[in-house]
Protein backbone atom coordinates (compact mmCIF):
# COMPACT_ATOMS: atom_id res chain seq x y z
CA MET A 1 -17.99 -7.81 17.50
CA ASP A 2 -19.23 -6.63 14.13
CA ALA A 3 -16.62 -6.08 11.43
CA PRO A 4 -15.81 -2.44 10.61
CA TRP A 5 -18.10 -0.67 8.15
CA PHE A 6 -15.18 1.04 6.40
CA ASP A 7 -12.07 -0.29 4.69
CA LEU A 8 -9.59 2.40 3.76
CA GLN A 9 -6.89 0.58 1.84
CA SER A 10 -7.26 -1.60 -1.26
CA HIS A 11 -5.31 -2.25 -4.43
CA SER A 12 -6.13 -2.91 -8.07
CA VAL A 13 -4.19 -3.92 -11.17
CA TYR A 14 -2.89 -0.35 -11.32
CA SER A 15 -0.45 -1.34 -8.59
CA ASP A 16 -0.07 -4.73 -6.91
CA GLY A 17 -3.69 -5.88 -6.76
CA ALA A 18 -5.26 -8.71 -8.76
CA LEU A 19 -8.56 -7.10 -9.80
CA ALA A 20 -9.67 -4.19 -11.96
CA PRO A 21 -10.73 -1.11 -9.95
CA SER A 22 -14.41 -1.74 -10.73
CA ASP A 23 -14.13 -5.32 -9.45
CA VAL A 24 -12.42 -4.12 -6.27
CA ALA A 25 -15.40 -1.85 -5.61
CA ARG A 26 -17.90 -4.62 -6.34
CA HIS A 27 -16.08 -7.08 -4.05
CA ALA A 28 -16.04 -4.47 -1.29
CA ALA A 29 -19.76 -3.85 -1.63
CA ALA A 30 -20.48 -7.59 -1.56
CA ALA A 31 -18.45 -7.84 1.65
CA GLY A 32 -20.53 -5.16 3.34
CA VAL A 33 -18.09 -2.26 3.06
CA GLN A 34 -19.90 1.08 3.15
CA LEU A 35 -16.87 3.38 2.79
CA LEU A 36 -14.00 2.19 0.59
CA ALA A 37 -10.69 3.70 -0.45
CA LEU A 38 -8.82 2.55 -3.54
CA THR A 39 -5.18 3.21 -2.64
CA ASP A 40 -2.99 2.02 -5.46
CA HIS A 41 0.73 2.57 -4.98
CA ASP A 42 1.81 5.91 -6.42
CA SER A 43 -1.23 5.97 -8.70
CA VAL A 44 -4.74 7.40 -8.94
CA GLU A 45 -5.34 6.04 -12.43
CA GLY A 46 -7.99 3.58 -11.30
CA VAL A 47 -10.00 6.04 -9.24
CA ASP A 48 -12.46 7.17 -11.92
CA GLU A 49 -13.35 3.57 -12.81
CA ALA A 50 -13.76 2.69 -9.14
CA LEU A 51 -15.95 5.75 -8.50
CA VAL A 52 -18.42 4.63 -11.17
CA ALA A 53 -18.54 1.05 -9.90
CA ALA A 54 -18.87 2.13 -6.26
CA ALA A 55 -21.79 4.42 -7.10
CA GLU A 56 -23.50 1.60 -8.99
CA ALA A 57 -22.96 -0.71 -6.00
CA GLY A 58 -24.33 1.86 -3.57
CA ILE A 59 -21.17 2.47 -1.53
CA ALA A 60 -18.97 5.53 -1.02
CA LEU A 61 -15.46 5.64 -2.46
CA VAL A 62 -12.64 7.85 -1.19
CA ARG A 63 -10.29 9.23 -3.85
CA ALA A 64 -6.90 8.08 -2.62
CA ALA A 65 -3.40 6.76 -3.26
CA GLU A 66 -0.64 5.11 -1.23
CA LEU A 67 2.73 6.81 -1.61
CA SER A 68 5.93 4.92 -0.89
CA ALA A 69 8.50 7.03 0.93
CA VAL A 70 11.84 6.84 2.72
CA HIS A 71 12.73 7.92 6.25
CA ASP A 72 15.93 7.38 8.24
CA VAL A 73 16.43 3.66 8.83
CA SER A 74 13.36 2.63 6.85
CA GLU A 75 13.55 2.59 3.08
CA ASP A 76 9.90 1.89 2.33
CA LEU A 77 7.28 3.56 4.52
CA HIS A 78 3.81 4.17 3.10
CA VAL A 79 1.75 7.34 3.38
CA LEU A 80 -1.92 7.19 2.41
CA GLY A 81 -3.41 10.26 0.78
CA TYR A 82 -7.20 10.52 1.21
CA GLY A 83 -9.49 12.96 -0.55
CA VAL A 84 -6.83 14.02 -3.04
CA ASP A 85 -7.81 15.70 -6.28
CA HIS A 86 -7.02 12.76 -8.55
CA HIS A 87 -7.08 15.05 -11.60
CA ASP A 88 -4.53 17.49 -10.15
CA PRO A 89 -1.71 17.84 -12.75
CA ALA A 90 1.05 18.33 -10.19
CA PHE A 91 0.01 15.25 -8.21
CA ALA A 92 -0.19 13.23 -11.43
CA GLU A 93 3.30 14.35 -12.43
CA ARG A 94 4.74 13.53 -9.03
CA THR A 95 3.19 10.08 -8.81
CA ALA A 96 4.24 9.33 -12.40
CA GLY A 97 7.80 10.16 -11.39
CA ALA A 98 7.54 7.82 -8.41
CA ARG A 99 6.27 5.03 -10.66
CA ALA A 100 9.11 5.62 -13.10
CA GLU A 101 11.56 5.28 -10.22
CA ARG A 102 9.87 1.99 -9.34
CA VAL A 103 10.46 0.70 -12.88
CA THR A 104 14.15 1.70 -12.78
CA ARG A 105 14.53 0.07 -9.38
CA ALA A 106 12.72 -3.10 -10.46
CA THR A 107 14.98 -3.37 -13.52
CA ALA A 108 18.06 -3.09 -11.33
CA MET A 109 16.72 -5.66 -8.86
CA GLY A 110 15.95 -7.96 -11.76
CA ALA A 111 19.60 -7.74 -12.78
CA ARG A 112 20.59 -8.67 -9.24
CA LEU A 113 18.31 -11.70 -9.30
CA ARG A 114 19.81 -12.84 -12.61
CA ALA A 115 23.27 -12.53 -11.10
CA LEU A 116 22.03 -14.86 -8.34
CA GLY A 117 21.09 -17.43 -10.98
CA PHE A 118 17.39 -16.76 -11.46
CA GLU A 119 15.61 -16.23 -14.77
CA VAL A 120 13.07 -13.38 -14.98
CA ASP A 121 10.02 -13.58 -17.25
CA GLU A 122 10.06 -10.13 -18.83
CA ARG A 123 6.72 -10.44 -20.65
CA PRO A 124 4.35 -9.48 -17.81
CA LEU A 125 6.71 -6.73 -16.69
CA GLU A 126 6.85 -5.27 -20.20
CA GLN A 127 3.06 -5.39 -20.44
CA ARG A 128 2.82 -3.32 -17.26
CA ARG A 129 5.43 -0.86 -18.55
CA LEU A 130 3.55 -0.37 -21.81
CA ALA A 131 0.27 0.12 -19.94
CA GLY A 132 1.86 2.72 -17.67
CA LYS A 133 1.19 0.61 -14.57
CA ALA A 134 3.41 0.42 -11.53
CA ILE A 135 6.04 -2.29 -11.22
CA GLY A 136 6.90 -3.29 -7.70
CA ARG A 137 8.48 -6.16 -5.84
CA PRO A 138 5.36 -8.37 -6.08
CA HIS A 139 5.45 -8.14 -9.88
CA LEU A 140 9.18 -8.86 -9.99
CA ALA A 141 8.76 -11.82 -7.66
CA ALA A 142 5.90 -13.15 -9.79
CA ALA A 143 8.08 -12.84 -12.91
CA VAL A 144 10.72 -15.04 -11.28
CA ILE A 145 8.18 -17.59 -10.05
CA ALA A 146 6.50 -17.75 -13.48
CA HIS A 147 9.71 -18.75 -15.27
CA ALA A 148 9.84 -22.54 -15.63
CA ALA A 149 13.62 -22.62 -15.33
CA ASN A 150 13.40 -21.51 -11.70
CA GLY A 151 10.84 -24.08 -10.56
CA GLU A 152 13.07 -26.72 -9.00
CA ARG A 153 15.22 -24.20 -7.15
CA LEU A 154 12.24 -22.23 -5.86
CA ARG A 155 10.58 -25.37 -4.54
CA SER A 156 13.77 -26.61 -2.92
CA GLU A 157 14.21 -23.28 -1.12
CA GLY A 158 10.54 -23.07 -0.18
CA VAL A 159 10.11 -19.70 -1.92
CA ASP A 160 7.79 -20.63 -4.79
CA ARG A 161 5.11 -18.07 -3.86
CA VAL A 162 5.27 -14.28 -4.03
CA GLU A 163 4.65 -14.09 -0.28
CA THR A 164 7.70 -16.26 0.45
CA PHE A 165 10.02 -15.06 -2.31
CA ILE A 166 9.87 -11.37 -1.34
CA PRO A 167 11.12 -11.80 2.26
CA ALA A 168 13.80 -14.21 1.06
CA TYR A 169 15.23 -12.00 -1.68
CA LEU A 170 13.57 -8.57 -1.94
CA ILE A 171 13.56 -6.88 1.46
CA PRO A 172 16.34 -4.81 3.08
CA GLY A 173 19.36 -6.97 3.81
CA ARG A 174 18.45 -9.60 1.21
CA PRO A 175 20.61 -10.08 -1.90
CA GLY A 176 18.14 -8.89 -4.54
CA TYR A 177 17.00 -5.72 -2.78
CA LEU A 178 17.75 -2.12 -3.70
CA PRO A 179 16.41 0.82 -1.66
CA ARG A 180 14.11 3.57 -2.83
CA THR A 181 15.62 7.05 -2.93
CA HIS A 182 12.60 9.38 -2.90
CA PRO A 183 10.23 10.87 -1.94
CA SER A 184 10.88 11.37 1.75
CA VAL A 185 7.95 11.04 4.15
CA GLU A 186 7.95 14.81 4.52
CA GLU A 187 7.75 15.23 0.73
CA ALA A 188 4.95 12.65 0.43
CA ILE A 189 2.90 14.47 3.07
CA GLY A 190 3.44 17.72 1.17
CA TRP A 191 2.36 16.16 -2.14
CA ILE A 192 -0.86 14.93 -0.54
CA HIS A 193 -1.63 18.28 1.06
CA ASP A 194 -0.88 20.12 -2.19
CA ALA A 195 -3.51 17.90 -3.87
CA GLY A 196 -6.09 18.79 -1.22
CA GLY A 197 -5.88 15.54 0.73
CA VAL A 198 -5.13 14.33 4.24
CA ALA A 199 -2.04 12.24 4.96
CA VAL A 200 -2.19 9.05 7.04
CA TRP A 201 0.74 6.78 7.92
CA ALA A 202 -0.13 3.24 6.81
CA HIS A 203 0.40 0.10 8.96
CA PRO A 204 3.18 1.42 11.24
CA PHE A 205 3.99 -1.95 12.81
CA TRP A 206 4.31 -3.61 9.41
CA ASP A 207 7.39 -1.52 8.61
CA LEU A 208 8.79 -0.72 12.07
CA HIS A 209 8.83 -3.18 14.93
CA SER A 210 9.53 -1.52 18.26
CA ASP A 211 7.06 0.66 20.14
CA ASP A 212 9.65 3.40 20.60
CA GLU A 213 10.51 3.51 16.88
CA VAL A 214 6.86 3.83 15.93
CA LEU A 215 6.08 6.54 18.50
CA GLU A 216 9.17 8.55 17.56
CA ALA A 217 8.19 8.34 13.89
CA ILE A 218 4.62 9.49 14.60
CA ASP A 219 5.95 12.51 16.51
CA ALA A 220 8.35 13.38 13.68
CA PHE A 221 5.71 12.96 10.98
CA ARG A 222 3.20 15.04 12.95
CA ALA A 223 5.69 17.91 12.91
CA TRP A 224 5.66 17.64 9.09
CA GLY A 225 1.87 17.81 8.92
CA LEU A 226 0.75 14.18 9.23
CA ASP A 227 -3.02 14.05 9.72
CA GLY A 228 -3.55 10.51 10.97
CA VAL A 229 -2.35 6.96 11.55
CA GLU A 230 -3.73 3.63 10.36
CA CYS A 231 -4.23 2.20 13.85
CA PHE A 232 -6.27 -0.85 12.85
CA TYR A 233 -4.70 -3.39 10.51
CA PRO A 234 -4.81 -7.19 10.08
CA THR A 235 -1.37 -7.74 11.63
CA HIS A 236 -1.71 -5.19 14.45
CA THR A 237 -2.21 -6.69 17.89
CA ALA A 238 -4.58 -5.24 20.47
CA ALA A 239 -1.61 -3.77 22.33
CA GLN A 240 -0.24 -2.15 19.17
CA ALA A 241 -3.63 -0.71 18.24
CA GLY A 242 -4.05 0.67 21.75
CA LEU A 243 -0.61 2.29 21.67
CA LEU A 244 -1.37 3.95 18.32
CA VAL A 245 -4.81 5.14 19.44
CA SER A 246 -3.36 6.69 22.60
CA ARG A 247 -0.69 8.60 20.70
CA CYS A 248 -3.21 9.77 18.11
CA GLU A 249 -5.56 11.02 20.82
CA LEU A 250 -2.67 12.87 22.46
CA LEU A 251 -1.62 14.54 19.19
CA GLY A 252 -5.10 15.08 17.72
CA LEU A 253 -4.53 12.69 14.81
CA LEU A 254 -7.13 10.74 12.85
CA ARG A 255 -7.42 6.99 13.53
CA THR A 256 -8.13 4.83 10.47
CA GLY A 257 -8.01 1.16 9.52
CA SER A 258 -8.04 -1.30 6.65
CA ALA A 259 -7.73 -4.92 5.61
CA ASP A 260 -5.36 -3.89 2.77
CA PHE A 261 -7.24 -5.95 0.16
CA HIS A 262 -5.06 -7.13 -2.74
CA GLY A 263 -7.31 -9.78 -4.27
CA PRO A 264 -9.39 -12.82 -3.31
CA ASP A 265 -6.49 -15.23 -3.77
CA HIS A 266 -3.80 -13.21 -1.98
CA GLY A 267 -1.96 -15.10 0.72
CA LEU A 268 -2.32 -12.40 3.38
CA PHE A 269 -4.78 -9.72 2.29
CA SER A 270 -7.71 -11.45 0.64
CA ARG A 271 -10.78 -10.32 2.59
CA PHE A 272 -12.41 -6.96 3.12
CA ARG A 273 -13.19 -5.83 6.68
CA ALA A 274 -10.70 -8.39 8.04
CA PHE A 275 -9.24 -6.18 10.76
CA GLU A 276 -10.09 -5.56 14.40
CA LEU A 277 -10.94 -2.35 16.24
CA TYR A 278 -10.35 -4.05 19.60
CA GLY A 279 -13.05 -1.92 21.19
CA TYR A 280 -11.38 1.37 20.26
CA GLU A 281 -13.16 4.16 18.44
CA PRO A 282 -11.87 5.15 14.98
CA ASP A 283 -11.80 8.80 13.96
CA LEU A 284 -12.05 9.21 10.20
CA GLY A 285 -12.61 12.96 10.26
CA PRO A 286 -12.94 14.46 6.78
CA ILE A 287 -12.11 11.10 5.17
CA ALA A 288 -15.66 9.96 5.88
CA ASP A 289 -16.93 12.91 3.82
CA SER A 290 -14.45 12.57 0.92
C-alpha cells in the first residue's frame, strides 16, 4: 500500500525537533509529503519560516501547533491545533505562558535529577531559554546525557539515550517527574478555536492504553468541542486505528494521521509518511484547505 500523502505532525528546533523549520519542510518534500503540518509544542514561532520553505519546495503547509494539556488521570495529553492564526496575539500570549510553565517545570525536574545524583549541563538549556524556545523533557534528558560525569552511571543503567532516559526518570511515577498543571484539555480546545483552528487529539494510544479509557476520553473531549482524532500513528495497531475510526465516524469527527517527525536521527520518529492507514479512509476536512 502506498504511504500516505499527508503528514500532520512534525517538530523543529522550536520545540523538541532536531532541524530548523525550513529543513523540516524540505525533508518532508523530499519524502513525498504533499500536505505537511509543523506542530511544535506550545509554539507557532517556526511557522512563517516553514511556510516559505514549503512554498519553495512545492508542498502545502498547515499552520499548526501541538498543545500539551492535562485531563483527569493523564498529566500530559496533546491537542493539535490546525489552521490557527499564528499571528493571533491572544494565542501567542497563551502559548508563551505554556512555554514558561515548561521552563519552570524543567528547572524543578532538573533539581530532582541532581538530588538523585545526576549532573545537568545547563548550557544548552540556557541557550534555549535565551532564544525563547521551549524546554521539555527531551532537552532535560539530553542535558543529563551530555554531562561527562554521568556517563558511567548512564551506561550501567542502560539509559544513555534520550529515548531510554525519559521512561526511566521523567514519566509519571518515576523519580524525576513533575506533572503539568495547565491548560486542561478543555482550555486547549478553546484556545485553538479562539485562534480560528480545529482541535485534534494527538496519538490517543500513546498516552492512554485501554480501549475504554480512550473511547471515554474521546466522548468527553467531543462535548468540549473536539474536532478530530489522530487515528493513524506509527505506534497504533490496526485494531486501535479501526476503533478510533469507528468512534470518529459515529461522532462526526475528523480522522487524521502523522509520523510525528522529530529529526532524521531520532530513535522513534525519524521518517516522514511512516504510518499506516490500514485500509481506512482519513477525513482531513478543512485541514486539507488550511
